[in-house]
Amino acid sequence: MQAAVNNGLPVLIEDVQEAIDPSIDPLLMHSEFMGEGGIKQIRLGDAQQDYDSEFKMYMTTKMPNPSYPPEVCIKVTLINFTVTFEGLEEQLLGDVVIKEKPQVEAQRDAIVLQMAADKKTLLQIENKILYELTNSTEEQILD
């Protein structure tokens, strides 16, 4: 790990469990500081190491649905690459429709865009109604 931090090499830690070793906290929190001579350093264990900005650390797990504590989640970026059968089925169906009937896929895209626009319009109308209710008197509401 120290050589990777010094030389800016990527590190892959596989099969991480829900409990993460606290000794890598400085790396997770990006606790770099400027040492002697203006060199970026980080404290790993008891020693200070030179820190190369190109250093990257990746951690993977084989757990299907890990639940990390909040203090870990704020230190890292979690990416879930889990593929469900339904999601895969939907992707494949979309590919088949694009290949077989592109006009149906174009229609679907247009409907999705229209739904997004309608949601935006609905939100604007709701906000306008709330604004009007808060800025009107009781008599105006009853009228």
N, C-alpha and C. Protein backbone atom coordinates (compact mmCIF):
# COMPACT_ATOMS: atom_id res chain seq x y z
N MET A 1 0.84 -1.18 0.00
CA MET A 1 0.00 0.00 0.00
C MET A 1 0.88 1.25 0.00
N GLN A 2 1.95 1.22 0.81
CA GLN A 2 2.82 2.40 0.89
C GLN A 2 3.49 2.68 -0.44
N ALA A 3 3.92 1.64 -1.14
CA ALA A 3 4.56 1.84 -2.45
C ALA A 3 3.56 2.42 -3.45
N ALA A 4 2.31 1.96 -3.41
CA ALA A 4 1.29 2.47 -4.32
C ALA A 4 0.99 3.94 -4.04
N VAL A 5 0.93 4.31 -2.76
CA VAL A 5 0.67 5.70 -2.38
C VAL A 5 1.83 6.58 -2.83
N ASN A 6 3.06 6.11 -2.65
CA ASN A 6 4.24 6.88 -3.05
C ASN A 6 4.33 7.06 -4.56
N ASN A 7 4.01 6.00 -5.31
CA ASN A 7 4.22 6.01 -6.76
C ASN A 7 2.97 6.33 -7.57
N GLY A 8 1.84 6.54 -6.91
CA GLY A 8 0.61 6.89 -7.62
C GLY A 8 0.01 5.74 -8.39
N LEU A 9 0.14 4.54 -7.87
CA LEU A 9 -0.41 3.35 -8.53
C LEU A 9 -1.79 3.03 -7.97
N PRO A 10 -2.67 2.44 -8.78
CA PRO A 10 -3.98 2.05 -8.27
C PRO A 10 -3.88 0.80 -7.40
N VAL A 11 -4.77 0.71 -6.41
CA VAL A 11 -4.82 -0.45 -5.51
C VAL A 11 -6.24 -1.01 -5.55
N LEU A 12 -6.35 -2.33 -5.65
CA LEU A 12 -7.63 -3.00 -5.62
C LEU A 12 -7.67 -3.90 -4.40
N ILE A 13 -8.67 -3.65 -3.53
CA ILE A 13 -8.87 -4.48 -2.35
C ILE A 13 -10.14 -5.28 -2.61
N GLU A 14 -10.02 -6.60 -2.68
CA GLU A 14 -11.15 -7.45 -3.02
C GLU A 14 -11.79 -8.06 -1.78
N ASP A 15 -13.04 -8.47 -1.93
CA ASP A 15 -13.80 -9.17 -0.89
C ASP A 15 -13.87 -8.39 0.42
N VAL A 16 -14.16 -7.12 0.34
CA VAL A 16 -14.29 -6.28 1.53
C VAL A 16 -15.58 -6.66 2.25
N GLN A 17 -15.50 -6.82 3.54
CA GLN A 17 -16.68 -7.11 4.34
C GLN A 17 -17.28 -5.80 4.84
N GLU A 18 -18.28 -5.89 5.68
CA GLU A 18 -18.94 -4.68 6.16
C GLU A 18 -18.08 -3.90 7.15
N ALA A 19 -17.15 -4.55 7.80
CA ALA A 19 -16.23 -3.86 8.71
C ALA A 19 -14.95 -3.55 7.93
N ILE A 20 -14.64 -2.27 7.80
CA ILE A 20 -13.45 -1.84 7.06
C ILE A 20 -12.37 -1.45 8.05
N ASP A 21 -11.16 -1.89 7.79
CA ASP A 21 -10.02 -1.65 8.68
C ASP A 21 -9.80 -0.15 8.85
N PRO A 22 -9.79 0.33 10.09
CA PRO A 22 -9.64 1.78 10.32
C PRO A 22 -8.26 2.32 9.92
N SER A 23 -7.29 1.45 9.67
CA SER A 23 -5.96 1.94 9.30
C SER A 23 -5.95 2.61 7.92
N ILE A 24 -6.98 2.35 7.10
CA ILE A 24 -7.02 3.00 5.78
C ILE A 24 -7.90 4.25 5.79
N ASP A 25 -8.38 4.64 6.96
CA ASP A 25 -9.20 5.86 7.07
C ASP A 25 -8.52 7.10 6.49
N PRO A 26 -7.22 7.33 6.72
CA PRO A 26 -6.60 8.52 6.11
C PRO A 26 -6.71 8.52 4.58
N LEU A 27 -6.65 7.35 3.97
CA LEU A 27 -6.79 7.27 2.52
C LEU A 27 -8.23 7.54 2.09
N LEU A 28 -9.17 7.00 2.85
CA LEU A 28 -10.58 7.20 2.52
C LEU A 28 -10.99 8.65 2.71
N MET A 29 -10.45 9.30 3.72
CA MET A 29 -10.82 10.68 4.02
C MET A 29 -9.96 11.70 3.27
N HIS A 30 -8.99 11.22 2.48
CA HIS A 30 -8.07 12.10 1.76
C HIS A 30 -7.41 13.08 2.73
N SER A 31 -6.78 12.54 3.75
CA SER A 31 -6.16 13.36 4.79
C SER A 31 -4.73 13.75 4.42
N GLU A 32 -4.55 14.23 3.21
CA GLU A 32 -3.21 14.65 2.80
C GLU A 32 -2.87 16.00 3.41
N PHE A 33 -1.59 16.24 3.57
CA PHE A 33 -1.12 17.53 4.06
C PHE A 33 0.21 17.83 3.41
N MET A 34 0.59 19.09 3.45
CA MET A 34 1.87 19.49 2.86
C MET A 34 2.97 19.28 3.88
N GLY A 35 3.93 18.45 3.52
CA GLY A 35 5.04 18.16 4.42
C GLY A 35 6.21 19.08 4.13
N GLU A 36 7.38 18.63 4.57
CA GLU A 36 8.59 19.42 4.36
C GLU A 36 8.89 19.54 2.87
N GLY A 37 9.29 20.70 2.46
CA GLY A 37 9.64 20.93 1.06
C GLY A 37 8.42 21.05 0.15
N GLY A 38 7.23 21.21 0.73
CA GLY A 38 6.03 21.36 -0.09
C GLY A 38 5.58 20.07 -0.76
N ILE A 39 5.98 18.93 -0.21
CA ILE A 39 5.60 17.64 -0.77
C ILE A 39 4.33 17.16 -0.08
N LYS A 40 3.37 16.72 -0.87
CA LYS A 40 2.12 16.20 -0.32
C LYS A 40 2.40 14.89 0.39
N GLN A 41 1.93 14.77 1.64
CA GLN A 41 2.15 13.56 2.42
C GLN A 41 0.85 13.12 3.09
N ILE A 42 0.87 11.88 3.55
CA ILE A 42 -0.26 11.31 4.27
C ILE A 42 0.29 10.42 5.37
N ARG A 43 -0.43 10.35 6.49
CA ARG A 43 0.01 9.51 7.60
C ARG A 43 -0.66 8.15 7.48
N LEU A 44 0.16 7.11 7.29
CA LEU A 44 -0.31 5.72 7.25
C LEU A 44 0.29 4.99 8.44
N GLY A 45 -0.55 4.62 9.38
CA GLY A 45 -0.05 3.97 10.59
C GLY A 45 0.76 4.96 11.39
N ASP A 46 2.00 4.60 11.70
CA ASP A 46 2.88 5.47 12.49
C ASP A 46 3.78 6.33 11.62
N ALA A 47 3.82 6.08 10.32
CA ALA A 47 4.78 6.77 9.46
C ALA A 47 4.07 7.73 8.51
N GLN A 48 4.82 8.73 8.09
CA GLN A 48 4.33 9.65 7.08
C GLN A 48 4.88 9.19 5.73
N GLN A 49 3.99 9.18 4.72
CA GLN A 49 4.38 8.73 3.39
C GLN A 49 4.15 9.87 2.40
N ASP A 50 5.02 9.95 1.39
CA ASP A 50 4.76 10.88 0.30
C ASP A 50 3.51 10.41 -0.42
N TYR A 51 2.68 11.35 -0.86
CA TYR A 51 1.40 11.02 -1.48
C TYR A 51 1.38 11.54 -2.90
N ASP A 52 1.20 10.64 -3.85
CA ASP A 52 1.08 11.00 -5.26
C ASP A 52 -0.40 11.19 -5.58
N SER A 53 -0.74 12.29 -6.23
CA SER A 53 -2.14 12.61 -6.53
C SER A 53 -2.78 11.61 -7.49
N GLU A 54 -1.99 10.82 -8.18
CA GLU A 54 -2.51 9.82 -9.11
C GLU A 54 -2.98 8.55 -8.40
N PHE A 55 -2.73 8.43 -7.10
CA PHE A 55 -3.11 7.24 -6.35
C PHE A 55 -4.62 7.09 -6.33
N LYS A 56 -5.09 5.88 -6.61
CA LYS A 56 -6.52 5.55 -6.54
C LYS A 56 -6.66 4.23 -5.79
N MET A 57 -7.72 4.12 -5.01
CA MET A 57 -7.99 2.88 -4.29
C MET A 57 -9.40 2.43 -4.61
N TYR A 58 -9.53 1.16 -5.00
CA TYR A 58 -10.81 0.57 -5.34
C TYR A 58 -11.05 -0.59 -4.39
N MET A 59 -12.28 -0.72 -3.92
CA MET A 59 -12.64 -1.83 -3.04
C MET A 59 -13.86 -2.52 -3.62
N THR A 60 -13.84 -3.85 -3.62
CA THR A 60 -14.97 -4.61 -4.13
C THR A 60 -15.45 -5.58 -3.06
N THR A 61 -16.70 -6.00 -3.21
CA THR A 61 -17.26 -6.98 -2.29
C THR A 61 -18.10 -7.97 -3.10
N LYS A 62 -18.21 -9.17 -2.59
CA LYS A 62 -19.05 -10.17 -3.23
C LYS A 62 -20.40 -10.28 -2.53
N MET A 63 -20.60 -9.48 -1.50
CA MET A 63 -21.86 -9.50 -0.78
C MET A 63 -22.96 -8.95 -1.69
N PRO A 64 -24.12 -9.61 -1.74
CA PRO A 64 -25.17 -9.16 -2.65
C PRO A 64 -25.79 -7.83 -2.25
N ASN A 65 -25.90 -7.55 -0.97
CA ASN A 65 -26.52 -6.31 -0.53
C ASN A 65 -25.83 -5.84 0.75
N PRO A 66 -24.62 -5.30 0.62
CA PRO A 66 -23.91 -4.88 1.84
C PRO A 66 -24.55 -3.64 2.44
N SER A 67 -24.53 -3.56 3.76
CA SER A 67 -25.05 -2.36 4.42
C SER A 67 -23.92 -1.79 5.27
N TYR A 68 -23.26 -0.81 4.70
CA TYR A 68 -22.15 -0.17 5.39
C TYR A 68 -22.69 0.92 6.30
N PRO A 69 -22.03 1.15 7.42
CA PRO A 69 -22.49 2.22 8.32
C PRO A 69 -22.32 3.59 7.66
N PRO A 70 -23.08 4.57 8.12
CA PRO A 70 -23.02 5.91 7.51
C PRO A 70 -21.62 6.51 7.51
N GLU A 71 -20.83 6.24 8.53
CA GLU A 71 -19.49 6.83 8.57
C GLU A 71 -18.60 6.30 7.46
N VAL A 72 -18.89 5.10 6.95
CA VAL A 72 -18.14 4.57 5.81
C VAL A 72 -18.71 5.17 4.52
N CYS A 73 -20.00 5.29 4.43
CA CYS A 73 -20.65 5.79 3.21
C CYS A 73 -20.24 7.22 2.88
N ILE A 74 -19.96 8.03 3.88
CA ILE A 74 -19.56 9.41 3.60
C ILE A 74 -18.11 9.50 3.15
N LYS A 75 -17.33 8.45 3.36
CA LYS A 75 -15.92 8.46 2.99
C LYS A 75 -15.68 7.92 1.59
N VAL A 76 -16.61 7.17 1.04
CA VAL A 76 -16.38 6.49 -0.24
C VAL A 76 -17.53 6.78 -1.20
N THR A 77 -17.32 6.43 -2.45
CA THR A 77 -18.37 6.47 -3.45
C THR A 77 -18.79 5.04 -3.70
N LEU A 78 -20.05 4.73 -3.41
CA LEU A 78 -20.57 3.38 -3.60
C LEU A 78 -21.21 3.26 -4.97
N ILE A 79 -20.84 2.20 -5.69
CA ILE A 79 -21.45 1.91 -6.98
C ILE A 79 -21.97 0.49 -6.92
N ASN A 80 -23.25 0.32 -7.19
CA ASN A 80 -23.87 -1.00 -7.15
C ASN A 80 -23.98 -1.54 -8.57
N PHE A 81 -23.18 -2.57 -8.87
CA PHE A 81 -23.21 -3.18 -10.19
C PHE A 81 -24.08 -4.42 -10.23
N THR A 82 -24.93 -4.59 -9.25
CA THR A 82 -25.79 -5.75 -9.20
C THR A 82 -26.81 -5.69 -10.32
N VAL A 83 -26.93 -6.78 -11.05
CA VAL A 83 -27.88 -6.85 -12.15
C VAL A 83 -29.01 -7.77 -11.73
N THR A 84 -30.23 -7.25 -11.78
CA THR A 84 -31.38 -8.09 -11.47
C THR A 84 -31.90 -8.71 -12.76
N PHE A 85 -32.62 -9.79 -12.63
CA PHE A 85 -33.17 -10.46 -13.80
C PHE A 85 -34.12 -9.54 -14.54
N GLU A 86 -34.95 -8.81 -13.81
CA GLU A 86 -35.92 -7.90 -14.42
C GLU A 86 -35.22 -6.78 -15.18
N GLY A 87 -34.16 -6.23 -14.59
CA GLY A 87 -33.42 -5.15 -15.24
C GLY A 87 -32.75 -5.62 -16.52
N LEU A 88 -32.17 -6.82 -16.47
CA LEU A 88 -31.52 -7.39 -17.65
C LEU A 88 -32.56 -7.68 -18.74
N GLU A 89 -33.70 -8.20 -18.32
CA GLU A 89 -34.78 -8.50 -19.26
C GLU A 89 -35.25 -7.22 -19.95
N GLU A 90 -35.39 -6.14 -19.18
CA GLU A 90 -35.83 -4.86 -19.75
C GLU A 90 -34.81 -4.32 -20.75
N GLN A 91 -33.52 -4.43 -20.43
CA GLN A 91 -32.48 -3.96 -21.34
C GLN A 91 -32.50 -4.76 -22.64
N LEU A 92 -32.60 -6.08 -22.53
CA LEU A 92 -32.62 -6.91 -23.73
C LEU A 92 -33.85 -6.65 -24.57
N LEU A 93 -34.99 -6.47 -23.93
CA LEU A 93 -36.22 -6.15 -24.66
C LEU A 93 -36.07 -4.83 -25.40
N GLY A 94 -35.46 -3.85 -24.76
CA GLY A 94 -35.22 -2.56 -25.40
C GLY A 94 -34.32 -2.71 -26.62
N ASP A 95 -33.27 -3.54 -26.52
CA ASP A 95 -32.39 -3.77 -27.66
C ASP A 95 -33.12 -4.45 -28.82
N VAL A 96 -33.98 -5.41 -28.50
CA VAL A 96 -34.74 -6.10 -29.54
C VAL A 96 -35.70 -5.14 -30.22
N VAL A 97 -36.37 -4.30 -29.44
CA VAL A 97 -37.32 -3.35 -30.02
C VAL A 97 -36.59 -2.36 -30.92
N ILE A 98 -35.42 -1.89 -30.51
CA ILE A 98 -34.65 -0.96 -31.34
C ILE A 98 -34.29 -1.62 -32.66
N LYS A 99 -33.91 -2.87 -32.61
CA LYS A 99 -33.49 -3.60 -33.81
C LYS A 99 -34.68 -3.91 -34.72
N GLU A 100 -35.77 -4.41 -34.12
CA GLU A 100 -36.91 -4.88 -34.90
C GLU A 100 -37.85 -3.75 -35.32
N LYS A 101 -38.17 -2.85 -34.40
CA LYS A 101 -39.14 -1.78 -34.68
C LYS A 101 -38.63 -0.45 -34.12
N PRO A 102 -37.77 0.21 -34.86
CA PRO A 102 -37.21 1.48 -34.37
C PRO A 102 -38.27 2.56 -34.17
N GLN A 103 -39.38 2.51 -34.94
CA GLN A 103 -40.42 3.53 -34.78
C GLN A 103 -41.10 3.39 -33.42
N VAL A 104 -41.24 2.16 -32.92
CA VAL A 104 -41.84 1.95 -31.59
C VAL A 104 -40.91 2.53 -30.52
N GLU A 105 -39.62 2.33 -30.69
CA GLU A 105 -38.65 2.88 -29.73
C GLU A 105 -38.66 4.40 -29.77
N ALA A 106 -38.80 4.97 -30.95
CA ALA A 106 -38.87 6.44 -31.08
C ALA A 106 -40.13 6.96 -30.38
N GLN A 107 -41.25 6.22 -30.53
CA GLN A 107 -42.49 6.58 -29.85
C GLN A 107 -42.30 6.54 -28.34
N ARG A 108 -41.65 5.50 -27.86
CA ARG A 108 -41.39 5.33 -26.43
C ARG A 108 -40.55 6.49 -25.90
N ASP A 109 -39.51 6.86 -26.67
CA ASP A 109 -38.66 7.99 -26.26
C ASP A 109 -39.47 9.28 -26.19
N ALA A 110 -40.35 9.47 -27.16
CA ALA A 110 -41.18 10.68 -27.17
C ALA A 110 -42.11 10.69 -25.96
N ILE A 111 -42.67 9.54 -25.62
CA ILE A 111 -43.56 9.46 -24.47
C ILE A 111 -42.80 9.75 -23.18
N VAL A 112 -41.59 9.21 -23.05
CA VAL A 112 -40.78 9.46 -21.84
C VAL A 112 -40.47 10.94 -21.72
N LEU A 113 -40.12 11.58 -22.84
CA LEU A 113 -39.84 13.03 -22.81
C LEU A 113 -41.10 13.82 -22.45
N GLN A 114 -42.24 13.42 -22.99
CA GLN A 114 -43.50 14.10 -22.68
C GLN A 114 -43.86 13.94 -21.20
N MET A 115 -43.64 12.74 -20.67
CA MET A 115 -43.92 12.51 -19.24
C MET A 115 -43.03 13.40 -18.37
N ALA A 116 -41.76 13.55 -18.74
CA ALA A 116 -40.86 14.41 -17.97
C ALA A 116 -41.34 15.86 -18.02
N ALA A 117 -41.74 16.30 -19.21
CA ALA A 117 -42.25 17.67 -19.35
C ALA A 117 -43.53 17.86 -18.54
N ASP A 118 -44.40 16.85 -18.56
CA ASP A 118 -45.66 16.95 -17.80
C ASP A 118 -45.39 17.00 -16.30
N LYS A 119 -44.41 16.23 -15.82
CA LYS A 119 -44.06 16.27 -14.40
C LYS A 119 -43.56 17.66 -14.02
N LYS A 120 -42.76 18.24 -14.90
CA LYS A 120 -42.23 19.58 -14.63
C LYS A 120 -43.37 20.59 -14.57
N THR A 121 -44.30 20.49 -15.52
CA THR A 121 -45.45 21.40 -15.54
C THR A 121 -46.30 21.21 -14.29
N LEU A 122 -46.54 19.97 -13.90
CA LEU A 122 -47.32 19.69 -12.70
C LEU A 122 -46.67 20.31 -11.47
N LEU A 123 -45.37 20.18 -11.37
CA LEU A 123 -44.65 20.76 -10.22
C LEU A 123 -44.78 22.28 -10.22
N GLN A 124 -44.68 22.90 -11.40
CA GLN A 124 -44.84 24.35 -11.48
C GLN A 124 -46.25 24.77 -11.07
N ILE A 125 -47.26 24.04 -11.50
CA ILE A 125 -48.65 24.36 -11.13
C ILE A 125 -48.85 24.20 -9.63
N GLU A 126 -48.32 23.11 -9.06
CA GLU A 126 -48.43 22.90 -7.61
C GLU A 126 -47.78 24.04 -6.85
N ASN A 127 -46.60 24.46 -7.28
CA ASN A 127 -45.90 25.56 -6.62
C ASN A 127 -46.70 26.86 -6.73
N LYS A 128 -47.31 27.10 -7.90
CA LYS A 128 -48.12 28.30 -8.08
C LYS A 128 -49.34 28.29 -7.17
N ILE A 129 -49.99 27.14 -7.05
CA ILE A 129 -51.16 27.02 -6.16
C ILE A 129 -50.76 27.29 -4.72
N LEU A 130 -49.66 26.68 -4.29
CA LEU A 130 -49.19 26.92 -2.91
C LEU A 130 -48.84 28.37 -2.68
N TYR A 131 -48.22 29.01 -3.67
CA TYR A 131 -47.87 30.43 -3.55
C TYR A 131 -49.13 31.27 -3.42
N GLU A 132 -50.12 30.98 -4.27
CA GLU A 132 -51.38 31.74 -4.23
C GLU A 132 -52.10 31.55 -2.90
N LEU A 133 -52.06 30.31 -2.36
CA LEU A 133 -52.72 30.05 -1.08
C LEU A 133 -52.03 30.78 0.07
N THR A 134 -50.73 30.84 0.04
CA THR A 134 -50.02 31.51 1.14
C THR A 134 -50.11 33.02 1.07
N ASN A 135 -50.31 33.57 -0.12
CA ASN A 135 -50.34 35.02 -0.27
C ASN A 135 -51.74 35.59 -0.44
N SER A 136 -52.75 34.83 -0.10
CA SER A 136 -54.13 35.34 -0.24
C SER A 136 -54.80 35.37 1.13
N THR A 137 -55.83 36.18 1.21
CA THR A 137 -56.59 36.29 2.46
C THR A 137 -57.70 35.25 2.45
N GLU A 138 -58.37 35.13 3.59
CA GLU A 138 -59.45 34.14 3.71
C GLU A 138 -60.60 34.49 2.76
N GLU A 139 -60.88 35.78 2.60
CA GLU A 139 -61.98 36.18 1.74
C GLU A 139 -61.67 35.82 0.28
N GLN A 140 -60.43 36.03 -0.14
CA GLN A 140 -60.05 35.71 -1.51
C GLN A 140 -60.16 34.20 -1.77
N ILE A 141 -59.80 33.40 -0.79
CA ILE A 141 -59.88 31.95 -0.96
C ILE A 141 -61.33 31.53 -1.08
N LEU A 142 -62.21 32.12 -0.24
CA LEU A 142 -63.64 31.76 -0.27
C LEU A 142 -64.31 32.23 -1.56
N ASP A 143 -63.84 33.33 -2.11
CA ASP A 143 -64.40 33.83 -3.38
C ASP A 143 -64.07 32.85 -4.48
